[in-house]
Amino acid sequence: MATGTPTALPRIEDPGKISPKDARALGSLFFEQLQVLEEGTQEYQYARNTLIEMNLSLV
């Protein structure tokens, strides 16, 4: 597991409306935070769920 300090993630009202270009840029930040957040916490769930919603258009 990566070490580091979690940082506050931006709140995205509607992740499904994020453009693919913006989703790619934001995705890096969200993936980094998944490495340092504790699984099962609200912050972890927010990061995970937002990543999924931002990238649904790619599926």
Foldseek 3Di string as FASTA:
>chain_A
DDDDDADDQDDDPQLLPDDPVVLVVSLVNLVVNCVHDDPPDPSNVRSVVSNCNNCVVVD
